[in-house]
Amino acid sequence: MAAPRRNKLAKILGVILIVLVVTAVGFIALIKPKVDSIFANIGNATCVYNIKVIAFADANGDGVQGADEAGVAGVAATLQHSHPMRDFTPEQTLTDESGLATLSADKYCFNNDMLTTTVVPPSGYSATTAVSFGPYPVPLIYVESSETLVAANPIPDVLYVGLKQV
């Protein structure tokens, strides 16, 4: 009588073991993409970007900078990474007297990083164009091979922001 009970107990333990293994494999399959996206994307890559923003006084409100529409100084331009390196503080600069602001980098970053540039109209101005651009994929240079990956949706050379006094 003891042998049939042992066989039955062995079968039950075998089934429990199979269920545990299948559950563990399923759990690993569920979390592996998340872990990969966090850790596997930390590669020897360098972000390379040079984003130019031109803020101009759009007197006629058409969203296109005319020859007589000068730049606006002191306009804040910010750049936010989708995967910030150390903190969540966006890069920020102000436009110069010609209305030009440049956000650039040649530094280590995450693969699959996306950049969004935002311009904040100063007090007394409203925007006649978009003020948020992106997200754009960051072009990367891989250190091991010096291979440059250029994104399918590259960052425009210049982002124009029209501002009209209110």
C-alpha atoms as a PDB file:
ATOM      1  CA  MET A   1       0.000   0.000   0.000  1.00  0.00           C
ATOM      2  CA  ALA A   2       2.953   2.346   0.681  1.00  0.00           C
ATOM      3  CA  ALA A   3       4.326   1.998  -2.878  1.00  0.00           C
ATOM      4  CA  PRO A   4       1.127   3.294  -4.601  1.00  0.00           C
ATOM      5  CA  ARG A   5       1.041   6.259  -2.171  1.00  0.00           C
ATOM      6  CA  ARG A   6       4.698   7.039  -2.950  1.00  0.00           C
ATOM      7  CA  ASN A   7       4.010   6.864  -6.679  1.00  0.00           C
ATOM      8  CA  LYS A   8       0.994   9.134  -6.304  1.00  0.00           C
ATOM      9  CA  LEU A   9       2.997  11.560  -4.123  1.00  0.00           C
ATOM     10  CA  ALA A  10       5.863  11.513  -6.657  1.00  0.00           C
ATOM     11  CA  LYS A  11       3.428  12.303  -9.484  1.00  0.00           C
ATOM     12  CA  ILE A  12       1.895  15.187  -7.502  1.00  0.00           C
ATOM     13  CA  LEU A  13       5.355  16.592  -6.663  1.00  0.00           C
ATOM     14  CA  GLY A  14       6.364  16.202 -10.321  1.00  0.00           C
ATOM     15  CA  VAL A  15       3.289  18.149 -11.461  1.00  0.00           C
ATOM     16  CA  ILE A  16       3.964  20.864  -8.844  1.00  0.00           C
ATOM     17  CA  LEU A  17       7.591  21.091 -10.014  1.00  0.00           C
ATOM     18  CA  ILE A  18       6.510  21.422 -13.668  1.00  0.00           C
ATOM     19  CA  VAL A  19       3.987  24.149 -12.748  1.00  0.00           C
ATOM     20  CA  LEU A  20       6.678  26.061 -10.820  1.00  0.00           C
ATOM     21  CA  VAL A  21       9.163  25.825 -13.701  1.00  0.00           C
ATOM     22  CA  VAL A  22       6.567  26.930 -16.265  1.00  0.00           C
ATOM     23  CA  THR A  23       5.522  29.825 -13.997  1.00  0.00           C
ATOM     24  CA  ALA A  24       9.154  30.903 -13.497  1.00  0.00           C
ATOM     25  CA  VAL A  25       9.854  30.775 -17.241  1.00  0.00           C
ATOM     26  CA  GLY A  26       6.707  32.792 -17.935  1.00  0.00           C
ATOM     27  CA  PHE A  27       7.674  35.374 -15.315  1.00  0.00           C
ATOM     28  CA  ILE A  28      11.170  35.718 -16.768  1.00  0.00           C
ATOM     29  CA  ALA A  29       9.720  36.076 -20.266  1.00  0.00           C
ATOM     30  CA  LEU A  30       7.397  38.780 -18.941  1.00  0.00           C
ATOM     31  CA  ILE A  31      10.049  40.891 -17.218  1.00  0.00           C
ATOM     32  CA  LYS A  32      12.992  40.241 -19.562  1.00  0.00           C
ATOM     33  CA  PRO A  33      11.988  42.908 -22.139  1.00  0.00           C
ATOM     34  CA  LYS A  34      11.688  45.489 -19.357  1.00  0.00           C
ATOM     35  CA  VAL A  35      15.075  44.553 -17.917  1.00  0.00           C
ATOM     36  CA  ASP A  36      16.623  44.532 -21.395  1.00  0.00           C
ATOM     37  CA  SER A  37      15.212  47.969 -22.158  1.00  0.00           C
ATOM     38  CA  ILE A  38      16.765  49.334 -18.972  1.00  0.00           C
ATOM     39  CA  PHE A  39      20.148  47.625 -18.969  1.00  0.00           C
ATOM     40  CA  ALA A  40      20.857  46.441 -22.517  1.00  0.00           C
ATOM     41  CA  ASN A  41      20.352  49.957 -23.824  1.00  0.00           C
ATOM     42  CA  ILE A  42      23.282  51.149 -21.785  1.00  0.00           C
ATOM     43  CA  GLY A  43      25.866  50.806 -24.481  1.00  0.00           C
ATOM     44  CA  ASN A  44      29.036  52.563 -25.442  1.00  0.00           C
ATOM     45  CA  ALA A  45      27.165  55.113 -27.497  1.00  0.00           C
ATOM     46  CA  THR A  46      27.601  58.835 -27.869  1.00  0.00           C
ATOM     47  CA  CYS A  47      24.703  61.168 -28.569  1.00  0.00           C
ATOM     48  CA  VAL A  48      25.492  63.633 -31.290  1.00  0.00           C
ATOM     49  CA  TYR A  49      23.109  66.484 -31.879  1.00  0.00           C
ATOM     50  CA  ASN A  50      23.194  70.169 -32.671  1.00  0.00           C
ATOM     51  CA  ILE A  51      19.718  71.657 -32.449  1.00  0.00           C
ATOM     52  CA  LYS A  52      19.268  75.262 -33.518  1.00  0.00           C
ATOM     53  CA  VAL A  53      16.200  77.230 -32.538  1.00  0.00           C
ATOM     54  CA  ILE A  54      15.405  80.594 -34.088  1.00  0.00           C
ATOM     55  CA  ALA A  55      12.758  82.683 -32.346  1.00  0.00           C
ATOM     56  CA  PHE A  56      11.581  85.604 -34.436  1.00  0.00           C
ATOM     57  CA  ALA A  57       9.104  88.457 -34.136  1.00  0.00           C
ATOM     58  CA  ASP A  58       6.361  87.328 -36.497  1.00  0.00           C
ATOM     59  CA  ALA A  59       4.809  90.751 -37.146  1.00  0.00           C
ATOM     60  CA  ASN A  60       2.336  89.518 -39.782  1.00  0.00           C
ATOM     61  CA  GLY A  61       1.545  86.268 -37.903  1.00  0.00           C
ATOM     62  CA  ASP A  62       2.106  83.992 -40.913  1.00  0.00           C
ATOM     63  CA  GLY A  63       4.553  81.655 -39.135  1.00  0.00           C
ATOM     64  CA  VAL A  64       7.326  82.321 -41.680  1.00  0.00           C
ATOM     65  CA  GLN A  65      10.293  84.532 -40.903  1.00  0.00           C
ATOM     66  CA  GLY A  66      10.342  87.415 -43.371  1.00  0.00           C
ATOM     67  CA  ALA A  67      13.390  89.517 -44.182  1.00  0.00           C
ATOM     68  CA  ASP A  68      12.060  92.326 -41.965  1.00  0.00           C
ATOM     69  CA  GLU A  69      11.210  90.054 -38.982  1.00  0.00           C
ATOM     70  CA  ALA A  70      14.103  90.143 -36.517  1.00  0.00           C
ATOM     71  CA  GLY A  71      15.040  87.577 -33.908  1.00  0.00           C
ATOM     72  CA  VAL A  72      13.778  87.786 -30.335  1.00  0.00           C
ATOM     73  CA  ALA A  73      16.425  87.634 -27.591  1.00  0.00           C
ATOM     74  CA  GLY A  74      15.953  85.949 -24.220  1.00  0.00           C
ATOM     75  CA  VAL A  75      13.529  83.217 -25.324  1.00  0.00           C
ATOM     76  CA  ALA A  76      13.966  79.996 -23.321  1.00  0.00           C
ATOM     77  CA  ALA A  77      14.592  76.832 -25.341  1.00  0.00           C
ATOM     78  CA  THR A  78      14.644  73.514 -23.483  1.00  0.00           C
ATOM     79  CA  LEU A  79      15.641  70.041 -24.533  1.00  0.00           C
ATOM     80  CA  GLN A  80      14.303  66.974 -22.716  1.00  0.00           C
ATOM     81  CA  HIS A  81      15.706  63.472 -23.155  1.00  0.00           C
ATOM     82  CA  SER A  82      13.305  60.528 -22.930  1.00  0.00           C
ATOM     83  CA  HIS A  83      16.074  58.681 -21.024  1.00  0.00           C
ATOM     84  CA  PRO A  84      17.870  61.333 -18.953  1.00  0.00           C
ATOM     85  CA  MET A  85      21.321  60.320 -17.730  1.00  0.00           C
ATOM     86  CA  ARG A  86      21.600  61.653 -14.201  1.00  0.00           C
ATOM     87  CA  ASP A  87      18.590  63.749 -13.403  1.00  0.00           C
ATOM     88  CA  PHE A  88      15.403  64.855 -15.043  1.00  0.00           C
ATOM     89  CA  THR A  89      16.480  68.473 -15.505  1.00  0.00           C
ATOM     90  CA  PRO A  90      16.163  69.415 -19.164  1.00  0.00           C
ATOM     91  CA  GLU A  91      18.975  71.188 -20.949  1.00  0.00           C
ATOM     92  CA  GLN A  92      18.074  74.850 -21.302  1.00  0.00           C
ATOM     93  CA  THR A  93      19.450  77.946 -22.996  1.00  0.00           C
ATOM     94  CA  LEU A  94      18.257  81.384 -24.063  1.00  0.00           C
ATOM     95  CA  THR A  95      18.197  82.876 -27.534  1.00  0.00           C
ATOM     96  CA  ASP A  96      20.834  85.512 -28.253  1.00  0.00           C
ATOM     97  CA  GLU A  97      20.202  88.965 -29.746  1.00  0.00           C
ATOM     98  CA  SER A  98      19.717  87.399 -33.198  1.00  0.00           C
ATOM     99  CA  GLY A  99      17.062  85.015 -31.834  1.00  0.00           C
ATOM    100  CA  LEU A 100      19.347  81.944 -32.081  1.00  0.00           C
ATOM    101  CA  ALA A 101      19.669  79.276 -29.400  1.00  0.00           C
ATOM    102  CA  THR A 102      21.806  76.171 -29.839  1.00  0.00           C
ATOM    103  CA  LEU A 103      21.470  72.944 -27.873  1.00  0.00           C
ATOM    104  CA  SER A 104      24.253  70.526 -28.699  1.00  0.00           C
ATOM    105  CA  ALA A 105      26.028  67.534 -27.282  1.00  0.00           C
ATOM    106  CA  ASP A 106      28.610  64.929 -28.014  1.00  0.00           C
ATOM    107  CA  LYS A 107      28.312  62.786 -24.921  1.00  0.00           C
ATOM    108  CA  TYR A 108      27.396  59.359 -23.639  1.00  0.00           C
ATOM    109  CA  CYS A 109      23.699  58.503 -23.701  1.00  0.00           C
ATOM    110  CA  PHE A 110      21.199  55.676 -23.824  1.00  0.00           C
ATOM    111  CA  ASN A 111      20.247  53.879 -27.006  1.00  0.00           C
ATOM    112  CA  ASN A 112      16.703  54.680 -28.123  1.00  0.00           C
ATOM    113  CA  ASP A 113      16.873  58.139 -26.552  1.00  0.00           C
ATOM    114  CA  MET A 114      14.357  60.612 -27.955  1.00  0.00           C
ATOM    115  CA  LEU A 115      14.680  64.393 -27.818  1.00  0.00           C
ATOM    116  CA  THR A 116      11.887  66.917 -27.453  1.00  0.00           C
ATOM    117  CA  THR A 117      12.606  70.625 -27.802  1.00  0.00           C
ATOM    118  CA  THR A 118      10.233  73.170 -26.303  1.00  0.00           C
ATOM    119  CA  VAL A 119      10.280  76.953 -26.573  1.00  0.00           C
ATOM    120  CA  VAL A 120       8.512  79.106 -23.999  1.00  0.00           C
ATOM    121  CA  PRO A 121       7.143  82.371 -25.407  1.00  0.00           C
ATOM    122  CA  PRO A 122       8.232  85.265 -23.189  1.00  0.00           C
ATOM    123  CA  SER A 123       5.741  87.475 -21.422  1.00  0.00           C
ATOM    124  CA  GLY A 124       3.914  89.705 -23.890  1.00  0.00           C
ATOM    125  CA  TYR A 125       4.242  87.246 -26.810  1.00  0.00           C
ATOM    126  CA  SER A 126       2.099  84.466 -28.222  1.00  0.00           C
ATOM    127  CA  ALA A 127       3.332  81.797 -30.620  1.00  0.00           C
ATOM    128  CA  THR A 128       2.386  81.800 -34.302  1.00  0.00           C
ATOM    129  CA  THR A 129       4.089  78.446 -34.896  1.00  0.00           C
ATOM    130  CA  ALA A 130       4.575  75.241 -32.970  1.00  0.00           C
ATOM    131  CA  VAL A 131       6.548  75.617 -29.726  1.00  0.00           C
ATOM    132  CA  SER A 132       7.203  71.908 -29.123  1.00  0.00           C
ATOM    133  CA  PHE A 133       9.200  69.782 -31.548  1.00  0.00           C
ATOM    134  CA  GLY A 134       9.775  66.050 -31.463  1.00  0.00           C
ATOM    135  CA  PRO A 135      10.284  63.581 -30.136  1.00  0.00           C
ATOM    136  CA  TYR A 136      13.206  62.955 -32.470  1.00  0.00           C
ATOM    137  CA  PRO A 137      15.508  59.933 -32.211  1.00  0.00           C
ATOM    138  CA  VAL A 138      19.065  60.829 -31.245  1.00  0.00           C
ATOM    139  CA  PRO A 139      21.769  60.016 -33.780  1.00  0.00           C
ATOM    140  CA  LEU A 140      24.309  57.759 -32.066  1.00  0.00           C
ATOM    141  CA  ILE A 141      27.953  56.948 -32.631  1.00  0.00           C
ATOM    142  CA  TYR A 142      28.999  53.553 -31.284  1.00  0.00           C
ATOM    143  CA  VAL A 143      32.425  53.777 -29.692  1.00  0.00           C
ATOM    144  CA  GLU A 144      33.554  50.238 -30.593  1.00  0.00           C
ATOM    145  CA  SER A 145      33.067  50.621 -34.327  1.00  0.00           C
ATOM    146  CA  SER A 146      32.768  54.402 -34.853  1.00  0.00           C
ATOM    147  CA  GLU A 147      29.558  53.535 -36.705  1.00  0.00           C
ATOM    148  CA  THR A 148      27.042  56.375 -36.847  1.00  0.00           C
ATOM    149  CA  LEU A 149      23.363  55.530 -36.815  1.00  0.00           C
ATOM    150  CA  VAL A 150      21.265  58.259 -38.371  1.00  0.00           C
ATOM    151  CA  ALA A 151      17.649  58.218 -37.350  1.00  0.00           C
ATOM    152  CA  ALA A 152      14.864  57.617 -39.848  1.00  0.00           C
ATOM    153  CA  ASN A 153      13.160  60.779 -38.567  1.00  0.00           C
ATOM    154  CA  PRO A 154      16.164  63.110 -38.192  1.00  0.00           C
ATOM    155  CA  ILE A 155      16.158  66.323 -36.207  1.00  0.00           C
ATOM    156  CA  PRO A 156      15.592  69.312 -38.522  1.00  0.00           C
ATOM    157  CA  ASP A 157      18.593  71.625 -39.005  1.00  0.00           C
ATOM    158  CA  VAL A 158      16.699  74.608 -37.616  1.00  0.00           C
ATOM    159  CA  LEU A 159      13.481  74.875 -35.610  1.00  0.00           C
ATOM    160  CA  TYR A 160      11.717  78.178 -36.301  1.00  0.00           C
ATOM    161  CA  VAL A 161       9.423  79.705 -33.690  1.00  0.00           C
ATOM    162  CA  GLY A 162       7.297  82.710 -34.612  1.00  0.00           C
ATOM    163  CA  LEU A 163       6.306  85.069 -31.809  1.00  0.00           C
ATOM    164  CA  LYS A 164       3.772  87.872 -32.070  1.00  0.00           C
ATOM    165  CA  GLN A 165       3.453  90.638 -29.509  1.00  0.00           C
ATOM    166  CA  VAL A 166       0.091  90.688 -27.755  1.00  0.00           C
END
